[in-house]
Amino acid sequence: MEHPNEKLGEKIRMYRTAINLTQAEFARRLGVTGASVSAYENGIRSPSFDVLLKISTILGISTDELLGRKKETVQMLDVSGLNEQQLSSLRQMVAFFRKYNKMYEALSSEPGSKNVLNSLLNE
């Protein structure tokens, strides 16, 4: 069974790399050592409460998201004033992003695939 720190570490790494921060830059912004960031990301050590709050602030996500406590929420979007063609385009985009997210999640569960996916996305 996967240790909770490992899942937290994976999320920290995923979000950190998504905003193109190196471990060293992330550590500097957090006020911790690079070794500490590495330990968090590898599930060896948990960040303190204060550091966890800083991590969520820097990454722009909630602590609930980092800890895997985010519940599925329904998002509402005001589309009044859009014509039928524009609404159709939005529906297609939503369907595309849902498929993309499912594919990303499925592929990112394979060892080593996150680096490949992130490098493709950054091209």
PDB file of N, CA and C in Angstrom:
ATOM      1  N   MET A   1       0.842  -1.194   0.000  1.00  0.00           N
ATOM      2  CA  MET A   1       0.000   0.000   0.000  1.00  0.00           C
ATOM      3  C   MET A   1       0.879   1.246   0.000  1.00  0.00           C
ATOM      4  N   GLU A   2       0.478   2.232  -0.779  1.00  0.00           N
ATOM      5  CA  GLU A   2       1.259   3.455  -0.891  1.00  0.00           C
ATOM      6  C   GLU A   2       1.128   4.292   0.379  1.00  0.00           C
ATOM      7  N   HIS A   3       2.250   4.815   0.828  1.00  0.00           N
ATOM      8  CA  HIS A   3       2.282   5.671   2.014  1.00  0.00           C
ATOM      9  C   HIS A   3       1.726   7.041   1.650  1.00  0.00           C
ATOM     10  N   PRO A   4       0.942   7.682   2.537  1.00  0.00           N
ATOM     11  CA  PRO A   4       0.368   9.000   2.228  1.00  0.00           C
ATOM     12  C   PRO A   4       1.412  10.045   1.850  1.00  0.00           C
ATOM     13  N   ASN A   5       2.613   9.979   2.441  1.00  0.00           N
ATOM     14  CA  ASN A   5       3.661  10.940   2.094  1.00  0.00           C
ATOM     15  C   ASN A   5       4.076  10.822   0.635  1.00  0.00           C
ATOM     16  N   GLU A   6       4.036   9.588   0.100  1.00  0.00           N
ATOM     17  CA  GLU A   6       4.418   9.393  -1.301  1.00  0.00           C
ATOM     18  C   GLU A   6       3.435  10.101  -2.221  1.00  0.00           C
ATOM     19  N   LYS A   7       2.140   9.980  -1.930  1.00  0.00           N
ATOM     20  CA  LYS A   7       1.123  10.641  -2.752  1.00  0.00           C
ATOM     21  C   LYS A   7       1.272  12.157  -2.653  1.00  0.00           C
ATOM     22  N   LEU A   8       1.510  12.668  -1.453  1.00  0.00           N
ATOM     23  CA  LEU A   8       1.727  14.099  -1.266  1.00  0.00           C
ATOM     24  C   LEU A   8       2.951  14.537  -2.052  1.00  0.00           C
ATOM     25  N   GLY A   9       4.025  13.776  -1.953  1.00  0.00           N
ATOM     26  CA  GLY A   9       5.246  14.105  -2.675  1.00  0.00           C
ATOM     27  C   GLY A   9       5.047  14.142  -4.173  1.00  0.00           C
ATOM     28  N   GLU A  10       4.278  13.184  -4.695  1.00  0.00           N
ATOM     29  CA  GLU A  10       3.992  13.164  -6.138  1.00  0.00           C
ATOM     30  C   GLU A  10       3.248  14.418  -6.557  1.00  0.00           C
ATOM     31  N   LYS A  11       2.289  14.838  -5.738  1.00  0.00           N
ATOM     32  CA  LYS A  11       1.522  16.040  -6.072  1.00  0.00           C
ATOM     33  C   LYS A  11       2.402  17.283  -6.020  1.00  0.00           C
ATOM     34  N   ILE A  12       3.236  17.365  -4.994  1.00  0.00           N
ATOM     35  CA  ILE A  12       4.135  18.519  -4.897  1.00  0.00           C
ATOM     36  C   ILE A  12       5.013  18.579  -6.141  1.00  0.00           C
ATOM     37  N   ARG A  13       5.620  17.459  -6.512  1.00  0.00           N
ATOM     38  CA  ARG A  13       6.489  17.412  -7.701  1.00  0.00           C
ATOM     39  C   ARG A  13       5.710  17.781  -8.967  1.00  0.00           C
ATOM     40  N   MET A  14       4.514  17.214  -9.134  1.00  0.00           N
ATOM     41  CA  MET A  14       3.722  17.471 -10.332  1.00  0.00           C
ATOM     42  C   MET A  14       3.389  18.960 -10.475  1.00  0.00           C
ATOM     43  N   TYR A  15       2.911  19.556  -9.379  1.00  0.00           N
ATOM     44  CA  TYR A  15       2.542  20.967  -9.446  1.00  0.00           C
ATOM     45  C   TYR A  15       3.780  21.867  -9.568  1.00  0.00           C
ATOM     46  N   ARG A  16       4.866  21.509  -8.887  1.00  0.00           N
ATOM     47  CA  ARG A  16       6.095  22.308  -8.969  1.00  0.00           C
ATOM     48  C   ARG A  16       6.621  22.320 -10.398  1.00  0.00           C
ATOM     49  N   THR A  17       6.686  21.153 -11.025  1.00  0.00           N
ATOM     50  CA  THR A  17       7.216  21.090 -12.389  1.00  0.00           C
ATOM     51  C   THR A  17       6.259  21.751 -13.381  1.00  0.00           C
ATOM     52  N   ALA A  18       4.958  21.719 -13.077  1.00  0.00           N
ATOM     53  CA  ALA A  18       3.983  22.349 -13.963  1.00  0.00           C
ATOM     54  C   ALA A  18       4.179  23.858 -14.042  1.00  0.00           C
ATOM     55  N   ILE A  19       4.726  24.449 -12.968  1.00  0.00           N
ATOM     56  CA  ILE A  19       4.980  25.901 -13.000  1.00  0.00           C
ATOM     57  C   ILE A  19       6.460  26.186 -13.231  1.00  0.00           C
ATOM     58  N   ASN A  20       7.175  25.163 -13.705  1.00  0.00           N
ATOM     59  CA  ASN A  20       8.582  25.297 -14.113  1.00  0.00           C
ATOM     60  C   ASN A  20       9.496  25.818 -13.018  1.00  0.00           C
ATOM     61  N   LEU A  21       9.316  25.308 -11.807  1.00  0.00           N
ATOM     62  CA  LEU A  21      10.226  25.653 -10.715  1.00  0.00           C
ATOM     63  C   LEU A  21      11.168  24.475 -10.477  1.00  0.00           C
ATOM     64  N   THR A  22      12.443  24.764 -10.351  1.00  0.00           N
ATOM     65  CA  THR A  22      13.393  23.726  -9.972  1.00  0.00           C
ATOM     66  C   THR A  22      13.233  23.458  -8.477  1.00  0.00           C
ATOM     67  N   GLN A  23      13.765  22.323  -8.030  1.00  0.00           N
ATOM     68  CA  GLN A  23      13.728  22.046  -6.592  1.00  0.00           C
ATOM     69  C   GLN A  23      14.461  23.136  -5.821  1.00  0.00           C
ATOM     70  N   ALA A  24      15.583  23.603  -6.371  1.00  0.00           N
ATOM     71  CA  ALA A  24      16.373  24.628  -5.682  1.00  0.00           C
ATOM     72  C   ALA A  24      15.590  25.938  -5.549  1.00  0.00           C
ATOM     73  N   GLU A  25      14.923  26.362  -6.628  1.00  0.00           N
ATOM     74  CA  GLU A  25      14.150  27.600  -6.580  1.00  0.00           C
ATOM     75  C   GLU A  25      12.946  27.447  -5.645  1.00  0.00           C
ATOM     76  N   PHE A  26      12.307  26.294  -5.706  1.00  0.00           N
ATOM     77  CA  PHE A  26      11.170  26.015  -4.838  1.00  0.00           C
ATOM     78  C   PHE A  26      11.610  26.047  -3.372  1.00  0.00           C
ATOM     79  N   ALA A  27      12.740  25.422  -3.088  1.00  0.00           N
ATOM     80  CA  ALA A  27      13.285  25.402  -1.726  1.00  0.00           C
ATOM     81  C   ALA A  27      13.577  26.820  -1.236  1.00  0.00           C
ATOM     82  N   ARG A  28      14.186  27.622  -2.101  1.00  0.00           N
ATOM     83  CA  ARG A  28      14.503  29.005  -1.736  1.00  0.00           C
ATOM     84  C   ARG A  28      13.232  29.774  -1.385  1.00  0.00           C
ATOM     85  N   ARG A  29      12.197  29.608  -2.204  1.00  0.00           N
ATOM     86  CA  ARG A  29      10.941  30.319  -1.955  1.00  0.00           C
ATOM     87  C   ARG A  29      10.244  29.814  -0.692  1.00  0.00           C
ATOM     88  N   LEU A  30      10.438  28.532  -0.382  1.00  0.00           N
ATOM     89  CA  LEU A  30       9.851  27.968   0.833  1.00  0.00           C
ATOM     90  C   LEU A  30      10.640  28.306   2.088  1.00  0.00           C
ATOM     91  N   GLY A  31      11.936  28.626   1.904  1.00  0.00           N
ATOM     92  CA  GLY A  31      12.804  28.875   3.056  1.00  0.00           C
ATOM     93  C   GLY A  31      13.311  27.591   3.680  1.00  0.00           C
ATOM     94  N   VAL A  32      13.450  26.539   2.841  1.00  0.00           N
ATOM     95  CA  VAL A  32      13.980  25.253   3.303  1.00  0.00           C
ATOM     96  C   VAL A  32      15.138  24.857   2.388  1.00  0.00           C
ATOM     97  N   THR A  33      15.788  23.754   2.704  1.00  0.00           N
ATOM     98  CA  THR A  33      16.888  23.286   1.872  1.00  0.00           C
ATOM     99  C   THR A  33      16.362  22.485   0.683  1.00  0.00           C
ATOM    100  N   GLY A  34      17.197  22.350  -0.332  1.00  0.00           N
ATOM    101  CA  GLY A  34      16.855  21.507  -1.475  1.00  0.00           C
ATOM    102  C   GLY A  34      16.658  20.064  -1.052  1.00  0.00           C
ATOM    103  N   ALA A  35      17.443  19.626  -0.055  1.00  0.00           N
ATOM    104  CA  ALA A  35      17.307  18.266   0.461  1.00  0.00           C
ATOM    105  C   ALA A  35      15.932  18.063   1.092  1.00  0.00           C
ATOM    106  N   SER A  36      15.394  19.100   1.725  1.00  0.00           N
ATOM    107  CA  SER A  36      14.057  19.000   2.317  1.00  0.00           C
ATOM    108  C   SER A  36      13.001  18.823   1.233  1.00  0.00           C
ATOM    109  N   VAL A  37      13.097  19.615   0.169  1.00  0.00           N
ATOM    110  CA  VAL A  37      12.140  19.485  -0.937  1.00  0.00           C
ATOM    111  C   VAL A  37      12.234  18.088  -1.539  1.00  0.00           C
ATOM    112  N   SER A  38      13.438  17.600  -1.731  1.00  0.00           N
ATOM    113  CA  SER A  38      13.627  16.253  -2.269  1.00  0.00           C
ATOM    114  C   SER A  38      12.981  15.211  -1.350  1.00  0.00           C
ATOM    115  N   ALA A  39      13.156  15.376  -0.051  1.00  0.00           N
ATOM    116  CA  ALA A  39      12.570  14.438   0.918  1.00  0.00           C
ATOM    117  C   ALA A  39      11.043  14.493   0.875  1.00  0.00           C
ATOM    118  N   TYR A  40      10.464  15.690   0.717  1.00  0.00           N
ATOM    119  CA  TYR A  40       9.010  15.811   0.613  1.00  0.00           C
ATOM    120  C   TYR A  40       8.523  15.076  -0.638  1.00  0.00           C
ATOM    121  N   GLU A  41       9.192  15.358  -1.765  1.00  0.00           N
ATOM    122  CA  GLU A  41       8.748  14.805  -3.039  1.00  0.00           C
ATOM    123  C   GLU A  41       8.938  13.294  -3.124  1.00  0.00           C
ATOM    124  N   ASN A  42       9.890  12.761  -2.402  1.00  0.00           N
ATOM    125  CA  ASN A  42      10.139  11.315  -2.422  1.00  0.00           C
ATOM    126  C   ASN A  42       9.407  10.577  -1.304  1.00  0.00           C
ATOM    127  N   GLY A  43       8.589  11.294  -0.535  1.00  0.00           N
ATOM    128  CA  GLY A  43       7.786  10.669   0.508  1.00  0.00           C
ATOM    129  C   GLY A  43       8.571  10.239   1.730  1.00  0.00           C
ATOM    130  N   ILE A  44       9.786  10.763   1.876  1.00  0.00           N
ATOM    131  CA  ILE A  44      10.634  10.404   3.013  1.00  0.00           C
ATOM    132  C   ILE A  44      10.242  11.201   4.249  1.00  0.00           C
ATOM    133  N   ARG A  45       9.831  12.435   4.015  1.00  0.00           N
ATOM    134  CA  ARG A  45       9.505  13.326   5.127  1.00  0.00           C
ATOM    135  C   ARG A  45       8.277  14.158   4.764  1.00  0.00           C
ATOM    136  N   SER A  46       7.492  14.482   5.772  1.00  0.00           N
ATOM    137  CA  SER A  46       6.329  15.357   5.573  1.00  0.00           C
ATOM    138  C   SER A  46       6.707  16.787   5.913  1.00  0.00           C
ATOM    139  N   PRO A  47       6.198  17.739   5.152  1.00  0.00           N
ATOM    140  CA  PRO A  47       6.450  19.133   5.509  1.00  0.00           C
ATOM    141  C   PRO A  47       5.677  19.508   6.768  1.00  0.00           C
ATOM    142  N   SER A  48       6.209  20.460   7.518  1.00  0.00           N
ATOM    143  CA  SER A  48       5.484  20.961   8.691  1.00  0.00           C
ATOM    144  C   SER A  48       4.222  21.673   8.211  1.00  0.00           C
ATOM    145  N   PHE A  49       3.344  21.966   9.141  1.00  0.00           N
ATOM    146  CA  PHE A  49       2.104  22.668   8.803  1.00  0.00           C
ATOM    147  C   PHE A  49       2.401  24.005   8.131  1.00  0.00           C
ATOM    148  N   ASP A  50       3.344  24.767   8.688  1.00  0.00           N
ATOM    149  CA  ASP A  50       3.693  26.072   8.111  1.00  0.00           C
ATOM    150  C   ASP A  50       4.234  25.927   6.691  1.00  0.00           C
ATOM    151  N   VAL A  51       5.100  24.936   6.483  1.00  0.00           N
ATOM    152  CA  VAL A  51       5.672  24.721   5.149  1.00  0.00           C
ATOM    153  C   VAL A  51       4.585  24.244   4.185  1.00  0.00           C
ATOM    154  N   LEU A  52       3.674  23.403   4.648  1.00  0.00           N
ATOM    155  CA  LEU A  52       2.574  22.936   3.809  1.00  0.00           C
ATOM    156  C   LEU A  52       1.734  24.118   3.326  1.00  0.00           C
ATOM    157  N   LEU A  53       1.476  25.066   4.210  1.00  0.00           N
ATOM    158  CA  LEU A  53       0.731  26.267   3.808  1.00  0.00           C
ATOM    159  C   LEU A  53       1.503  27.071   2.755  1.00  0.00           C
ATOM    160  N   LYS A  54       2.815  27.204   2.943  1.00  0.00           N
ATOM    161  CA  LYS A  54       3.644  27.912   1.957  1.00  0.00           C
ATOM    162  C   LYS A  54       3.635  27.180   0.620  1.00  0.00           C
ATOM    163  N   ILE A  55       3.726  25.853   0.678  1.00  0.00           N
ATOM    164  CA  ILE A  55       3.709  25.050  -0.554  1.00  0.00           C
ATOM    165  C   ILE A  55       2.421  25.304  -1.325  1.00  0.00           C
ATOM    166  N   SER A  56       1.289  25.248  -0.623  1.00  0.00           N
ATOM    167  CA  SER A  56       0.007  25.443  -1.308  1.00  0.00           C
ATOM    168  C   SER A  56      -0.103  26.855  -1.892  1.00  0.00           C
ATOM    169  N   THR A  57       0.440  27.838  -1.185  1.00  0.00           N
ATOM    170  CA  THR A  57       0.402  29.214  -1.677  1.00  0.00           C
ATOM    171  C   THR A  57       1.250  29.365  -2.932  1.00  0.00           C
ATOM    172  N   ILE A  58       2.475  28.854  -2.900  1.00  0.00           N
ATOM    173  CA  ILE A  58       3.376  28.963  -4.052  1.00  0.00           C
ATOM    174  C   ILE A  58       2.807  28.220  -5.261  1.00  0.00           C
ATOM    175  N   LEU A  59       2.223  27.040  -5.022  1.00  0.00           N
ATOM    176  CA  LEU A  59       1.698  26.230  -6.117  1.00  0.00           C
ATOM    177  C   LEU A  59       0.318  26.692  -6.581  1.00  0.00           C
ATOM    178  N   GLY A  60      -0.322  27.542  -5.778  1.00  0.00           N
ATOM    179  CA  GLY A  60      -1.628  28.079  -6.162  1.00  0.00           C
ATOM    180  C   GLY A  60      -2.759  27.071  -6.039  1.00  0.00           C
ATOM    181  N   ILE A  61      -2.630  26.145  -5.086  1.00  0.00           N
ATOM    182  CA  ILE A  61      -3.682  25.153  -4.848  1.00  0.00           C
ATOM    183  C   ILE A  61      -3.965  25.078  -3.356  1.00  0.00           C
ATOM    184  N   SER A  62      -5.063  24.451  -3.015  1.00  0.00           N
ATOM    185  CA  SER A  62      -5.422  24.354  -1.597  1.00  0.00           C
ATOM    186  C   SER A  62      -4.658  23.217  -0.922  1.00  0.00           C
ATOM    187  N   THR A  63      -4.577  23.301   0.395  1.00  0.00           N
ATOM    188  CA  THR A  63      -3.967  22.204   1.147  1.00  0.00           C
ATOM    189  C   THR A  63      -4.819  20.947   1.000  1.00  0.00           C
ATOM    190  N   ASP A  64      -6.127  21.093   0.861  1.00  0.00           N
ATOM    191  CA  ASP A  64      -6.990  19.929   0.637  1.00  0.00           C
ATOM    192  C   ASP A  64      -6.598  19.212  -0.655  1.00  0.00           C
ATOM    193  N   GLU A  65      -6.320  19.968  -1.695  1.00  0.00           N
ATOM    194  CA  GLU A  65      -5.888  19.360  -2.961  1.00  0.00           C
ATOM    195  C   GLU A  65      -4.575  18.618  -2.764  1.00  0.00           C
ATOM    196  N   LEU A  66      -3.621  19.243  -2.086  1.00  0.00           N
ATOM    197  CA  LEU A  66      -2.333  18.588  -1.841  1.00  0.00           C
ATOM    198  C   LEU A  66      -2.489  17.299  -1.040  1.00  0.00           C
ATOM    199  N   LEU A  67      -3.382  17.317  -0.075  1.00  0.00           N
ATOM    200  CA  LEU A  67      -3.557  16.164   0.809  1.00  0.00           C
ATOM    201  C   LEU A  67      -4.552  15.138   0.270  1.00  0.00           C
ATOM    202  N   GLY A  68      -5.073  15.396  -0.926  1.00  0.00           N
ATOM    203  CA  GLY A  68      -5.993  14.438  -1.527  1.00  0.00           C
ATOM    204  C   GLY A  68      -7.387  14.488  -0.958  1.00  0.00           C
ATOM    205  N   ARG A  69      -7.751  15.607  -0.382  1.00  0.00           N
ATOM    206  CA  ARG A  69      -9.064  15.734   0.251  1.00  0.00           C
ATOM    207  C   ARG A  69     -10.035  16.557  -0.594  1.00  0.00           C
ATOM    208  N   LYS A  70      -9.626  16.916  -1.792  1.00  0.00           N
ATOM    209  CA  LYS A  70     -10.474  17.730  -2.641  1.00  0.00           C
ATOM    210  C   LYS A  70     -11.656  16.901  -3.129  1.00  0.00           C
ATOM    211  N   LYS A  71     -12.825  17.414  -2.928  1.00  0.00           N
ATOM    212  CA  LYS A  71     -14.033  16.748  -3.392  1.00  0.00           C
ATOM    213  C   LYS A  71     -14.404  17.316  -4.755  1.00  0.00           C
ATOM    214  N   GLU A  72     -15.005  16.456  -5.556  1.00  0.00           N
ATOM    215  CA  GLU A  72     -15.470  16.881  -6.871  1.00  0.00           C
ATOM    216  C   GLU A  72     -16.525  17.967  -6.680  1.00  0.00           C
ATOM    217  N   THR A  73     -16.326  19.088  -7.296  1.00  0.00           N
ATOM    218  CA  THR A  73     -17.293  20.171  -7.193  1.00  0.00           C
ATOM    219  C   THR A  73     -17.832  20.501  -8.571  1.00  0.00           C
ATOM    220  N   VAL A  74     -19.028  20.960  -8.597  1.00  0.00           N
ATOM    221  CA  VAL A  74     -19.637  21.373  -9.845  1.00  0.00           C
ATOM    222  C   VAL A  74     -19.290  22.832 -10.058  1.00  0.00           C
ATOM    223  N   GLN A  75     -18.749  23.138 -11.193  1.00  0.00           N
ATOM    224  CA  GLN A  75     -18.418  24.513 -11.535  1.00  0.00           C
ATOM    225  C   GLN A  75     -19.483  25.064 -12.469  1.00  0.00           C
ATOM    226  N   MET A  76     -19.924  26.254 -12.204  1.00  0.00           N
ATOM    227  CA  MET A  76     -20.923  26.902 -13.045  1.00  0.00           C
ATOM    228  C   MET A  76     -20.232  27.965 -13.882  1.00  0.00           C
ATOM    229  N   LEU A  77     -20.646  28.073 -15.117  1.00  0.00           N
ATOM    230  CA  LEU A  77     -20.074  29.045 -16.029  1.00  0.00           C
ATOM    231  C   LEU A  77     -21.215  29.808 -16.679  1.00  0.00           C
ATOM    232  N   ASP A  78     -21.186  31.117 -16.578  1.00  0.00           N
ATOM    233  CA  ASP A  78     -22.226  31.945 -17.193  1.00  0.00           C
ATOM    234  C   ASP A  78     -21.957  32.024 -18.693  1.00  0.00           C
ATOM    235  N   VAL A  79     -22.840  31.441 -19.471  1.00  0.00           N
ATOM    236  CA  VAL A  79     -22.674  31.438 -20.923  1.00  0.00           C
ATOM    237  C   VAL A  79     -23.752  32.282 -21.610  1.00  0.00           C
ATOM    238  N   SER A  80     -24.446  33.079 -20.809  1.00  0.00           N
ATOM    239  CA  SER A  80     -25.485  33.921 -21.410  1.00  0.00           C
ATOM    240  C   SER A  80     -24.841  34.882 -22.401  1.00  0.00           C
ATOM    241  N   GLY A  81     -25.542  35.130 -23.468  1.00  0.00           N
ATOM    242  CA  GLY A  81     -25.043  36.036 -24.497  1.00  0.00           C
ATOM    243  C   GLY A  81     -24.215  35.352 -25.566  1.00  0.00           C
ATOM    244  N   LEU A  82     -23.953  34.049 -25.409  1.00  0.00           N
ATOM    245  CA  LEU A  82     -23.201  33.325 -26.433  1.00  0.00           C
ATOM    246  C   LEU A  82     -24.180  32.704 -27.422  1.00  0.00           C
ATOM    247  N   ASN A  83     -23.757  32.661 -28.684  1.00  0.00           N
ATOM    248  CA  ASN A  83     -24.633  32.045 -29.680  1.00  0.00           C
ATOM    249  C   ASN A  83     -24.436  30.530 -29.683  1.00  0.00           C
ATOM    250  N   GLU A  84     -25.260  29.838 -30.458  1.00  0.00           N
ATOM    251  CA  GLU A  84     -25.247  28.375 -30.457  1.00  0.00           C
ATOM    252  C   GLU A  84     -23.901  27.813 -30.918  1.00  0.00           C
ATOM    253  N   GLN A  85     -23.269  28.453 -31.884  1.00  0.00           N
ATOM    254  CA  GLN A  85     -21.964  27.985 -32.368  1.00  0.00           C
ATOM    255  C   GLN A  85     -20.908  28.106 -31.258  1.00  0.00           C
ATOM    256  N   GLN A  86     -20.937  29.197 -30.534  1.00  0.00           N
ATOM    257  CA  GLN A  86     -19.998  29.380 -29.430  1.00  0.00           C
ATOM    258  C   GLN A  86     -20.258  28.361 -28.315  1.00  0.00           C
ATOM    259  N   LEU A  87     -21.517  28.108 -28.011  1.00  0.00           N
ATOM    260  CA  LEU A  87     -21.858  27.113 -26.992  1.00  0.00           C
ATOM    261  C   LEU A  87     -21.392  25.723 -27.421  1.00  0.00           C
ATOM    262  N   SER A  88     -21.577  25.410 -28.682  1.00  0.00           N
ATOM    263  CA  SER A  88     -21.125  24.116 -29.206  1.00  0.00           C
ATOM    264  C   SER A  88     -19.605  23.983 -29.072  1.00  0.00           C
ATOM    265  N   SER A  89     -18.882  25.051 -29.374  1.00  0.00           N
ATOM    266  CA  SER A  89     -17.418  25.034 -29.240  1.00  0.00           C
ATOM    267  C   SER A  89     -17.010  24.796 -27.793  1.00  0.00           C
ATOM    268  N   LEU A  90     -17.694  25.441 -26.861  1.00  0.00           N
ATOM    269  CA  LEU A  90     -17.396  25.246 -25.440  1.00  0.00           C
ATOM    270  C   LEU A  90     -17.657  23.802 -25.013  1.00  0.00           C
ATOM    271  N   ARG A  91     -18.765  23.228 -25.478  1.00  0.00           N
ATOM    272  CA  ARG A  91     -19.069  21.833 -25.143  1.00  0.00           C
ATOM    273  C   ARG A  91     -17.968  20.899 -25.656  1.00  0.00           C
ATOM    274  N   GLN A  92     -17.500  21.156 -26.864  1.00  0.00           N
ATOM    275  CA  GLN A  92     -16.431  20.339 -27.447  1.00  0.00           C
ATOM    276  C   GLN A  92     -15.139  20.483 -26.642  1.00  0.00           C
ATOM    277  N   MET A  93     -14.834  21.702 -26.228  1.00  0.00           N
ATOM    278  CA  MET A  93     -13.626  21.928 -25.430  1.00  0.00           C
ATOM    279  C   MET A  93     -13.710  21.210 -24.092  1.00  0.00           C
ATOM    280  N   VAL A  94     -14.864  21.266 -23.444  1.00  0.00           N
ATOM    281  CA  VAL A  94     -15.047  20.598 -22.155  1.00  0.00           C
ATOM    282  C   VAL A  94     -14.858  19.094 -22.330  1.00  0.00           C
ATOM    283  N   ALA A  95     -15.454  18.535 -23.359  1.00  0.00           N
ATOM    284  CA  ALA A  95     -15.306  17.096 -23.615  1.00  0.00           C
ATOM    285  C   ALA A  95     -13.845  16.743 -23.860  1.00  0.00           C
ATOM    286  N   PHE A  96     -13.134  17.574 -24.624  1.00  0.00           N
ATOM    287  CA  PHE A  96     -11.715  17.335 -24.896  1.00  0.00           C
ATOM    288  C   PHE A  96     -10.904  17.351 -23.602  1.00  0.00           C
ATOM    289  N   PHE A  97     -11.109  18.356 -22.755  1.00  0.00           N
ATOM    290  CA  PHE A  97     -10.343  18.462 -21.514  1.00  0.00           C
ATOM    291  C   PHE A  97     -10.641  17.305 -20.561  1.00  0.00           C
ATOM    292  N   ARG A  98     -11.883  16.844 -20.523  1.00  0.00           N
ATOM    293  CA  ARG A  98     -12.203  15.684 -19.677  1.00  0.00           C
ATOM    294  C   ARG A  98     -11.454  14.444 -20.160  1.00  0.00           C
ATOM    295  N   LYS A  99     -11.433  14.219 -21.470  1.00  0.00           N
ATOM    296  CA  LYS A  99     -10.693  13.082 -22.025  1.00  0.00           C
ATOM    297  C   LYS A  99      -9.203  13.235 -21.758  1.00  0.00           C
ATOM    298  N   TYR A 100      -8.699  14.441 -21.944  1.00  0.00           N
ATOM    299  CA  TYR A 100      -7.278  14.715 -21.701  1.00  0.00           C
ATOM    300  C   TYR A 100      -6.912  14.397 -20.258  1.00  0.00           C
ATOM    301  N   ASN A 101      -7.727  14.863 -19.309  1.00  0.00           N
ATOM    302  CA  ASN A 101      -7.446  14.629 -17.892  1.00  0.00           C
ATOM    303  C   ASN A 101      -7.453  13.143 -17.553  1.00  0.00           C
ATOM    304  N   LYS A 102      -8.400  12.401 -18.110  1.00  0.00           N
ATOM    305  CA  LYS A 102      -8.439  10.956 -17.876  1.00  0.00           C
ATOM    306  C   LYS A 102      -7.194  10.290 -18.442  1.00  0.00           C
ATOM    307  N   MET A 103      -6.800  10.693 -19.638  1.00  0.00           N
ATOM    308  CA  MET A 103      -5.615  10.121 -20.267  1.00  0.00           C
ATOM    309  C   MET A 103      -4.364  10.456 -19.456  1.00  0.00           C
ATOM    310  N   TYR A 104      -4.246  11.698 -19.031  1.00  0.00           N
ATOM    311  CA  TYR A 104      -3.079  12.115 -18.256  1.00  0.00           C
ATOM    312  C   TYR A 104      -2.983  11.325 -16.959  1.00  0.00           C
ATOM    313  N   GLU A 105      -4.105  11.181 -16.268  1.00  0.00           N
ATOM    314  CA  GLU A 105      -4.113  10.426 -15.013  1.00  0.00           C
ATOM    315  C   GLU A 105      -3.729   8.973 -15.248  1.00  0.00           C
ATOM    316  N   ALA A 106      -4.262   8.372 -16.299  1.00  0.00           N
ATOM    317  CA  ALA A 106      -3.959   6.972 -16.589  1.00  0.00           C
ATOM    318  C   ALA A 106      -2.485   6.798 -16.935  1.00  0.00           C
ATOM    319  N   LEU A 107      -1.965   7.684 -17.775  1.00  0.00           N
ATOM    320  CA  LEU A 107      -0.577   7.566 -18.192  1.00  0.00           C
ATOM    321  C   LEU A 107       0.389   7.931 -17.076  1.00  0.00           C
ATOM    322  N   SER A 108       0.017   8.890 -16.244  1.00  0.00           N
ATOM    323  CA  SER A 108       0.943   9.339 -15.211  1.00  0.00           C
ATOM    324  C   SER A 108       1.082   8.335 -14.077  1.00  0.00           C
ATOM    325  N   SER A 109       0.238   7.305 -14.054  1.00  0.00           N
ATOM    326  CA  SER A 109       0.374   6.281 -13.019  1.00  0.00           C
ATOM    327  C   SER A 109       1.470   5.272 -13.364  1.00  0.00           C
ATOM    328  N   GLU A 110       1.943   5.304 -14.599  1.00  0.00           N
ATOM    329  CA  GLU A 110       3.030   4.415 -15.016  1.00  0.00           C
ATOM    330  C   GLU A 110       4.363   5.001 -14.575  1.00  0.00           C
ATOM    331  N   PRO A 111       5.272   4.178 -14.042  1.00  0.00           N
ATOM    332  CA  PRO A 111       6.585   4.674 -13.594  1.00  0.00           C
ATOM    333  C   PRO A 111       7.338   5.375 -14.729  1.00  0.00           C
ATOM    334  N   GLY A 112       7.829   6.557 -14.430  1.00  0.00           N
ATOM    335  CA  GLY A 112       8.639   7.310 -15.384  1.00  0.00           C
ATOM    336  C   GLY A 112       7.855   8.076 -16.426  1.00  0.00           C
ATOM    337  N   SER A 113       6.558   7.850 -16.516  1.00  0.00           N
ATOM    338  CA  SER A 113       5.791   8.496 -17.582  1.00  0.00           C
ATOM    339  C   SER A 113       5.499   9.963 -17.300  1.00  0.00           C
ATOM    340  N   LYS A 114       5.511  10.369 -16.028  1.00  0.00           N
ATOM    341  CA  LYS A 114       5.232  11.778 -15.724  1.00  0.00           C
ATOM    342  C   LYS A 114       6.270  12.693 -16.355  1.00  0.00           C
ATOM    343  N   ASN A 115       7.536  12.283 -16.311  1.00  0.00           N
ATOM    344  CA  ASN A 115       8.575  13.113 -16.914  1.00  0.00           C
ATOM    345  C   ASN A 115       8.372  13.228 -18.417  1.00  0.00           C
ATOM    346  N   VAL A 116       7.996  12.110 -19.052  1.00  0.00           N
ATOM    347  CA  VAL A 116       7.747  12.127 -20.501  1.00  0.00           C
ATOM    348  C   VAL A 116       6.565  13.034 -20.808  1.00  0.00           C
ATOM    349  N   LEU A 117       5.477  12.870 -20.055  1.00  0.00           N
ATOM    350  CA  LEU A 117       4.290  13.706 -20.292  1.00  0.00           C
ATOM    351  C   LEU A 117       4.599  15.172 -20.087  1.00  0.00           C
ATOM    352  N   ASN A 118       5.287  15.509 -19.007  1.00  0.00           N
ATOM    353  CA  ASN A 118       5.604  16.910 -18.739  1.00  0.00           C
ATOM    354  C   ASN A 118       6.519  17.482 -19.810  1.00  0.00           C
ATOM    355  N   SER A 119       7.475  16.696 -20.291  1.00  0.00           N
ATOM    356  CA  SER A 119       8.365  17.209 -21.339  1.00  0.00           C
ATOM    357  C   SER A 119       7.593  17.436 -22.636  1.00  0.00           C
ATOM    358  N   LEU A 120       6.636  16.563 -22.947  1.00  0.00           N
ATOM    359  CA  LEU A 120       5.825  16.763 -24.141  1.00  0.00           C
ATOM    360  C   LEU A 120       4.961  18.010 -24.010  1.00  0.00           C
ATOM    361  N   LEU A 121       4.419  18.225 -22.829  1.00  0.00           N
ATOM    362  CA  LEU A 121       3.569  19.393 -22.618  1.00  0.00           C
ATOM    363  C   LEU A 121       4.358  20.695 -22.665  1.00  0.00           C
ATOM    364  N   ASN A 122       5.636  20.635 -22.334  1.00  0.00           N
ATOM    365  CA  ASN A 122       6.462  21.841 -22.308  1.00  0.00           C
ATOM    366  C   ASN A 122       7.122  22.141 -23.651  1.00  0.00           C
ATOM    367  N   GLU A 123       6.879  21.315 -24.662  1.00  0.00           N
ATOM    368  CA  GLU A 123       7.483  21.565 -25.991  1.00  0.00           C
ATOM    369  C   GLU A 123       6.813  22.714 -26.686  1.00  0.00           C
TER     370      GLU A 123
END
